[in-house]
N, C-alpha and C. Protein backbone atom coordinates (compact mmCIF):
# COMPACT_ATOMS: atom_id res chain seq x y z
N MET A 1 17.68 -14.60 -43.52
CA MET A 1 18.96 -15.27 -43.57
C MET A 1 19.88 -14.69 -42.51
N LEU A 2 20.09 -15.39 -41.45
CA LEU A 2 20.97 -14.92 -40.40
C LEU A 2 22.34 -15.53 -40.59
N ALA A 3 23.36 -14.71 -40.46
CA ALA A 3 24.74 -15.17 -40.57
C ALA A 3 25.27 -15.43 -39.17
N ASP A 4 26.56 -15.67 -39.08
CA ASP A 4 27.19 -15.86 -37.78
C ASP A 4 26.98 -14.61 -36.93
N PRO A 5 27.00 -14.77 -35.61
CA PRO A 5 26.86 -13.60 -34.75
C PRO A 5 27.94 -12.57 -35.04
N LEU A 6 27.61 -11.32 -34.85
CA LEU A 6 28.55 -10.23 -35.07
C LEU A 6 29.63 -10.28 -34.00
N PRO A 7 30.91 -10.27 -34.37
CA PRO A 7 31.96 -10.35 -33.35
C PRO A 7 32.06 -9.08 -32.53
N GLU A 8 32.58 -9.22 -31.33
CA GLU A 8 32.89 -8.06 -30.50
C GLU A 8 34.17 -7.42 -31.02
N SER A 9 34.30 -6.12 -30.83
CA SER A 9 35.49 -5.40 -31.29
C SER A 9 36.71 -5.91 -30.55
N GLY A 10 37.67 -6.38 -31.30
CA GLY A 10 38.95 -6.81 -30.73
C GLY A 10 39.97 -5.69 -30.82
N THR A 11 41.18 -6.02 -30.50
CA THR A 11 42.25 -5.04 -30.48
C THR A 11 42.42 -4.35 -31.83
N LEU A 12 42.41 -5.13 -32.92
CA LEU A 12 42.60 -4.54 -34.25
C LEU A 12 41.47 -3.57 -34.59
N GLU A 13 40.23 -3.98 -34.34
CA GLU A 13 39.09 -3.10 -34.65
C GLU A 13 39.16 -1.81 -33.83
N LEU A 14 39.53 -1.93 -32.56
CA LEU A 14 39.63 -0.74 -31.72
C LEU A 14 40.76 0.18 -32.19
N LEU A 15 41.86 -0.42 -32.63
CA LEU A 15 42.95 0.38 -33.17
C LEU A 15 42.51 1.10 -34.45
N LEU A 16 41.79 0.40 -35.31
CA LEU A 16 41.28 1.03 -36.53
C LEU A 16 40.32 2.18 -36.20
N TRP A 17 39.55 2.03 -35.13
CA TRP A 17 38.65 3.10 -34.70
C TRP A 17 39.46 4.31 -34.20
N ILE A 18 40.46 4.04 -33.40
CA ILE A 18 41.32 5.12 -32.90
C ILE A 18 41.99 5.86 -34.05
N LEU A 19 42.38 5.12 -35.08
CA LEU A 19 43.02 5.71 -36.26
C LEU A 19 42.00 6.32 -37.24
N ARG A 20 40.74 6.32 -36.83
CA ARG A 20 39.65 6.89 -37.64
C ARG A 20 39.41 6.13 -38.94
N LEU A 21 39.69 4.83 -38.91
CA LEU A 21 39.40 3.98 -40.05
C LEU A 21 38.13 3.16 -39.82
N ARG A 22 37.52 3.39 -38.68
CA ARG A 22 36.20 2.84 -38.36
C ARG A 22 35.37 3.97 -37.77
N ARG A 23 34.08 3.90 -38.02
CA ARG A 23 33.16 4.89 -37.46
C ARG A 23 32.27 4.18 -36.44
N ARG A 24 32.08 4.79 -35.29
CA ARG A 24 31.26 4.21 -34.23
C ARG A 24 29.83 4.73 -34.38
N MET A 25 28.87 3.82 -34.38
CA MET A 25 27.46 4.20 -34.54
C MET A 25 26.60 3.44 -33.54
N ARG A 26 25.49 4.05 -33.16
CA ARG A 26 24.55 3.45 -32.22
C ARG A 26 23.30 2.98 -32.99
N VAL A 27 22.84 1.78 -32.66
CA VAL A 27 21.65 1.21 -33.28
C VAL A 27 20.42 1.76 -32.58
N SER A 28 19.42 2.14 -33.36
CA SER A 28 18.14 2.53 -32.77
C SER A 28 17.07 1.64 -33.38
N GLY A 29 16.15 1.21 -32.55
CA GLY A 29 15.07 0.35 -33.02
C GLY A 29 15.38 -1.13 -32.84
N ALA A 30 14.37 -1.94 -33.15
CA ALA A 30 14.45 -3.39 -32.92
C ALA A 30 14.54 -4.19 -34.21
N SER A 31 14.83 -3.54 -35.32
CA SER A 31 14.77 -4.25 -36.61
C SER A 31 15.86 -5.29 -36.81
N MET A 32 16.94 -5.22 -36.04
CA MET A 32 18.04 -6.18 -36.22
C MET A 32 18.15 -7.20 -35.09
N ILE A 33 17.15 -7.25 -34.22
CA ILE A 33 17.12 -8.29 -33.17
C ILE A 33 16.97 -9.64 -33.86
N PRO A 34 17.69 -10.67 -33.53
CA PRO A 34 18.52 -10.84 -32.34
C PRO A 34 19.99 -10.45 -32.52
N THR A 35 20.40 -10.08 -33.73
CA THR A 35 21.81 -9.77 -33.97
C THR A 35 22.24 -8.51 -33.24
N LEU A 36 21.45 -7.46 -33.36
CA LEU A 36 21.73 -6.17 -32.72
C LEU A 36 20.47 -5.66 -32.06
N ALA A 37 20.62 -5.13 -30.86
CA ALA A 37 19.49 -4.57 -30.12
C ALA A 37 19.60 -3.05 -30.11
N GLU A 38 18.51 -2.41 -29.75
CA GLU A 38 18.53 -0.95 -29.62
C GLU A 38 19.61 -0.54 -28.64
N ASP A 39 20.32 0.52 -28.98
CA ASP A 39 21.42 1.10 -28.21
C ASP A 39 22.73 0.31 -28.28
N ASP A 40 22.77 -0.82 -29.00
CA ASP A 40 24.06 -1.45 -29.25
C ASP A 40 24.89 -0.47 -30.07
N GLU A 41 26.19 -0.53 -29.88
CA GLU A 41 27.09 0.29 -30.68
C GLU A 41 27.92 -0.63 -31.56
N VAL A 42 28.15 -0.17 -32.79
CA VAL A 42 28.88 -0.97 -33.76
C VAL A 42 30.00 -0.12 -34.37
N LEU A 43 30.99 -0.80 -34.92
CA LEU A 43 32.03 -0.14 -35.69
C LEU A 43 31.75 -0.40 -37.16
N VAL A 44 31.94 0.64 -37.98
CA VAL A 44 31.58 0.59 -39.39
C VAL A 44 32.79 0.94 -40.23
N ASP A 45 33.07 0.11 -41.22
CA ASP A 45 34.14 0.39 -42.18
C ASP A 45 33.52 1.18 -43.33
N THR A 46 33.77 2.48 -43.35
CA THR A 46 33.15 3.35 -44.36
C THR A 46 33.85 3.25 -45.72
N ARG A 47 34.94 2.52 -45.78
CA ARG A 47 35.66 2.33 -47.05
C ARG A 47 35.41 0.96 -47.66
N ALA A 48 34.62 0.14 -47.01
CA ALA A 48 34.43 -1.25 -47.43
C ALA A 48 33.91 -1.40 -48.86
N TYR A 49 33.08 -0.47 -49.30
CA TYR A 49 32.45 -0.63 -50.61
C TYR A 49 32.97 0.38 -51.62
N ALA A 50 34.18 0.85 -51.42
CA ALA A 50 34.77 1.78 -52.37
C ALA A 50 35.05 1.11 -53.71
N ASN A 51 35.36 -0.20 -53.68
CA ASN A 51 35.72 -0.90 -54.90
C ASN A 51 34.97 -2.21 -55.11
N ARG A 52 33.91 -2.42 -54.34
CA ARG A 52 33.17 -3.67 -54.49
C ARG A 52 31.74 -3.52 -53.98
N PHE A 53 30.90 -4.44 -54.40
CA PHE A 53 29.55 -4.51 -53.88
C PHE A 53 29.57 -5.33 -52.59
N PRO A 54 28.57 -5.16 -51.75
CA PRO A 54 28.51 -5.97 -50.53
C PRO A 54 28.20 -7.42 -50.86
N ASN A 55 28.55 -8.30 -49.95
CA ASN A 55 28.19 -9.71 -50.08
C ASN A 55 26.88 -9.96 -49.36
N VAL A 56 26.13 -10.91 -49.86
CA VAL A 56 24.90 -11.33 -49.18
C VAL A 56 25.26 -11.79 -47.78
N GLY A 57 24.50 -11.34 -46.81
CA GLY A 57 24.72 -11.70 -45.42
C GLY A 57 25.43 -10.63 -44.62
N GLU A 58 26.12 -9.71 -45.28
CA GLU A 58 26.81 -8.64 -44.56
C GLU A 58 25.80 -7.67 -43.95
N ILE A 59 26.16 -7.11 -42.81
CA ILE A 59 25.35 -6.08 -42.18
C ILE A 59 25.94 -4.74 -42.60
N VAL A 60 25.07 -3.85 -43.06
CA VAL A 60 25.52 -2.57 -43.59
C VAL A 60 24.78 -1.42 -42.93
N VAL A 61 25.37 -0.24 -43.07
CA VAL A 61 24.71 1.00 -42.69
C VAL A 61 24.48 1.75 -43.99
N ALA A 62 23.25 2.25 -44.17
CA ALA A 62 22.89 2.89 -45.44
C ALA A 62 21.92 4.03 -45.20
N HIS A 63 21.91 4.95 -46.15
CA HIS A 63 20.88 5.99 -46.17
C HIS A 63 19.62 5.40 -46.77
N ARG A 64 18.49 5.68 -46.16
CA ARG A 64 17.22 5.27 -46.74
C ARG A 64 17.03 6.04 -48.05
N PRO A 65 16.73 5.37 -49.17
CA PRO A 65 16.73 6.06 -50.47
C PRO A 65 15.67 7.14 -50.62
N ASP A 66 14.54 6.98 -49.94
CA ASP A 66 13.47 7.98 -50.08
C ASP A 66 13.52 9.05 -48.99
N ARG A 67 14.42 8.88 -48.02
CA ARG A 67 14.61 9.87 -46.95
C ARG A 67 16.08 9.84 -46.54
N ARG A 68 16.91 10.53 -47.29
CA ARG A 68 18.36 10.44 -47.14
C ARG A 68 18.87 10.81 -45.74
N ASN A 69 18.06 11.54 -44.97
CA ASN A 69 18.49 11.89 -43.62
C ASN A 69 18.31 10.74 -42.63
N VAL A 70 17.65 9.67 -43.06
CA VAL A 70 17.43 8.49 -42.21
C VAL A 70 18.52 7.47 -42.51
N VAL A 71 19.20 7.03 -41.45
CA VAL A 71 20.27 6.04 -41.57
C VAL A 71 19.77 4.71 -41.02
N LEU A 72 20.02 3.64 -41.76
CA LEU A 72 19.53 2.30 -41.42
C LEU A 72 20.67 1.33 -41.18
N VAL A 73 20.45 0.37 -40.31
CA VAL A 73 21.35 -0.78 -40.16
C VAL A 73 20.54 -1.99 -40.59
N LYS A 74 20.98 -2.66 -41.66
CA LYS A 74 20.24 -3.79 -42.23
C LYS A 74 21.20 -4.84 -42.75
N ARG A 75 20.65 -5.99 -43.11
CA ARG A 75 21.42 -7.08 -43.68
C ARG A 75 21.20 -7.13 -45.20
N VAL A 76 22.26 -7.35 -45.94
CA VAL A 76 22.17 -7.51 -47.40
C VAL A 76 21.61 -8.89 -47.68
N THR A 77 20.49 -8.94 -48.42
CA THR A 77 19.88 -10.23 -48.73
C THR A 77 19.98 -10.59 -50.21
N GLU A 78 20.29 -9.60 -51.04
CA GLU A 78 20.44 -9.88 -52.46
C GLU A 78 21.20 -8.72 -53.11
N VAL A 79 22.09 -9.08 -54.03
CA VAL A 79 22.75 -8.10 -54.88
C VAL A 79 22.43 -8.51 -56.30
N ARG A 80 21.64 -7.70 -56.96
CA ARG A 80 21.17 -8.04 -58.31
C ARG A 80 22.24 -7.71 -59.35
N PRO A 81 22.17 -8.35 -60.51
CA PRO A 81 23.15 -8.08 -61.57
C PRO A 81 23.19 -6.61 -62.00
N ASN A 82 22.10 -5.90 -61.84
CA ASN A 82 22.08 -4.48 -62.22
C ASN A 82 22.64 -3.57 -61.12
N GLY A 83 23.18 -4.18 -60.05
CA GLY A 83 23.79 -3.40 -58.98
C GLY A 83 22.83 -2.95 -57.90
N ARG A 84 21.57 -3.32 -58.00
CA ARG A 84 20.61 -2.96 -56.96
C ARG A 84 20.75 -3.93 -55.79
N ILE A 85 20.66 -3.39 -54.58
CA ILE A 85 20.93 -4.14 -53.35
C ILE A 85 19.68 -4.18 -52.50
N LEU A 86 19.27 -5.39 -52.09
CA LEU A 86 18.12 -5.54 -51.21
C LEU A 86 18.60 -5.66 -49.77
N LEU A 87 17.97 -4.87 -48.89
CA LEU A 87 18.29 -4.86 -47.46
C LEU A 87 17.06 -5.29 -46.68
N LEU A 88 17.25 -6.17 -45.71
CA LEU A 88 16.18 -6.58 -44.82
C LEU A 88 16.68 -6.56 -43.38
N GLY A 89 15.76 -6.30 -42.46
CA GLY A 89 16.09 -6.41 -41.04
C GLY A 89 15.99 -7.86 -40.61
N ASP A 90 16.72 -8.22 -39.56
CA ASP A 90 16.66 -9.59 -39.04
C ASP A 90 15.35 -9.84 -38.31
N ASN A 91 14.64 -8.79 -37.93
CA ASN A 91 13.37 -8.89 -37.22
C ASN A 91 12.28 -8.27 -38.12
N PRO A 92 11.71 -9.05 -39.04
CA PRO A 92 10.78 -8.49 -40.03
C PRO A 92 9.60 -7.73 -39.42
N ALA A 93 9.13 -8.13 -38.27
CA ALA A 93 7.97 -7.47 -37.66
C ALA A 93 8.28 -6.03 -37.24
N ALA A 94 9.55 -5.71 -37.06
CA ALA A 94 9.92 -4.37 -36.59
C ALA A 94 10.80 -3.63 -37.59
N SER A 95 10.84 -4.09 -38.84
CA SER A 95 11.79 -3.54 -39.80
C SER A 95 11.14 -2.75 -40.92
N THR A 96 11.71 -1.60 -41.20
CA THR A 96 11.41 -0.85 -42.41
C THR A 96 12.62 -1.08 -43.31
N ASP A 97 12.40 -1.73 -44.45
CA ASP A 97 13.53 -2.14 -45.27
C ASP A 97 13.15 -2.14 -46.74
N SER A 98 13.88 -2.89 -47.55
CA SER A 98 13.63 -2.90 -49.00
C SER A 98 12.23 -3.39 -49.37
N LEU A 99 11.57 -4.09 -48.48
CA LEU A 99 10.19 -4.49 -48.76
C LEU A 99 9.28 -3.27 -48.83
N GLU A 100 9.67 -2.20 -48.17
CA GLU A 100 8.89 -0.95 -48.20
C GLU A 100 9.43 0.04 -49.22
N PHE A 101 10.75 0.27 -49.23
CA PHE A 101 11.29 1.32 -50.09
C PHE A 101 12.03 0.80 -51.31
N GLY A 102 12.11 -0.50 -51.48
CA GLY A 102 12.74 -1.08 -52.65
C GLY A 102 14.24 -1.23 -52.50
N PRO A 103 14.89 -1.73 -53.54
CA PRO A 103 16.35 -1.90 -53.48
C PRO A 103 17.06 -0.56 -53.49
N ILE A 104 18.29 -0.58 -53.01
CA ILE A 104 19.11 0.63 -52.99
C ILE A 104 20.26 0.46 -53.98
N THR A 105 21.02 1.54 -54.16
CA THR A 105 22.23 1.47 -54.98
C THR A 105 23.44 1.63 -54.08
N LEU A 106 24.60 1.37 -54.64
CA LEU A 106 25.85 1.45 -53.90
C LEU A 106 26.05 2.83 -53.27
N GLU A 107 25.57 3.87 -53.93
CA GLU A 107 25.76 5.23 -53.40
C GLU A 107 25.02 5.47 -52.09
N HIS A 108 24.04 4.64 -51.77
CA HIS A 108 23.31 4.78 -50.50
C HIS A 108 24.06 4.18 -49.32
N LEU A 109 25.04 3.30 -49.60
CA LEU A 109 25.75 2.62 -48.53
C LEU A 109 26.74 3.55 -47.84
N ILE A 110 26.72 3.52 -46.52
CA ILE A 110 27.68 4.26 -45.71
C ILE A 110 28.87 3.36 -45.41
N GLY A 111 28.60 2.09 -45.12
CA GLY A 111 29.70 1.17 -44.85
C GLY A 111 29.23 -0.17 -44.32
N LYS A 112 30.20 -1.00 -44.03
CA LYS A 112 29.97 -2.35 -43.53
C LYS A 112 30.17 -2.38 -42.02
N VAL A 113 29.22 -2.98 -41.31
CA VAL A 113 29.36 -3.17 -39.87
C VAL A 113 30.38 -4.30 -39.67
N THR A 114 31.45 -3.99 -38.97
CA THR A 114 32.54 -4.95 -38.79
C THR A 114 32.51 -5.65 -37.44
N SER A 115 31.95 -4.97 -36.42
CA SER A 115 31.93 -5.56 -35.09
C SER A 115 30.99 -4.79 -34.17
N ARG A 116 30.67 -5.45 -33.08
CA ARG A 116 29.91 -4.79 -32.00
C ARG A 116 30.93 -4.11 -31.11
N PHE A 117 30.73 -2.83 -30.84
CA PHE A 117 31.68 -2.08 -30.02
C PHE A 117 31.61 -2.57 -28.59
N ALA A 118 32.75 -2.91 -28.04
CA ALA A 118 32.77 -3.40 -26.65
C ALA A 118 33.95 -2.80 -25.91
């Protein structure tokens, strides 16, 4: 399920980054092609899920549940009633995602990708 293309960082997003309300991260790997390519940089709202679950279609940054030192950029494809969240890459042939490690919980989420850093 591909959503609209990720917007480029505008003035507001850049201001939020300067104010440390966004975190800048670099994508590694090809799992999110065509939306994001390796070495693309994104801005992440680390407070986005403080009071809510993600919506289906949002791109998130999360800790891999079985290897917490691994950080993933994936798309939310399902939020189950029990609070478990399924993440998939946009490029299934190159993605390690919930099909391998299962659904995650809210505590694994780092934040919501808000824009491509430009």
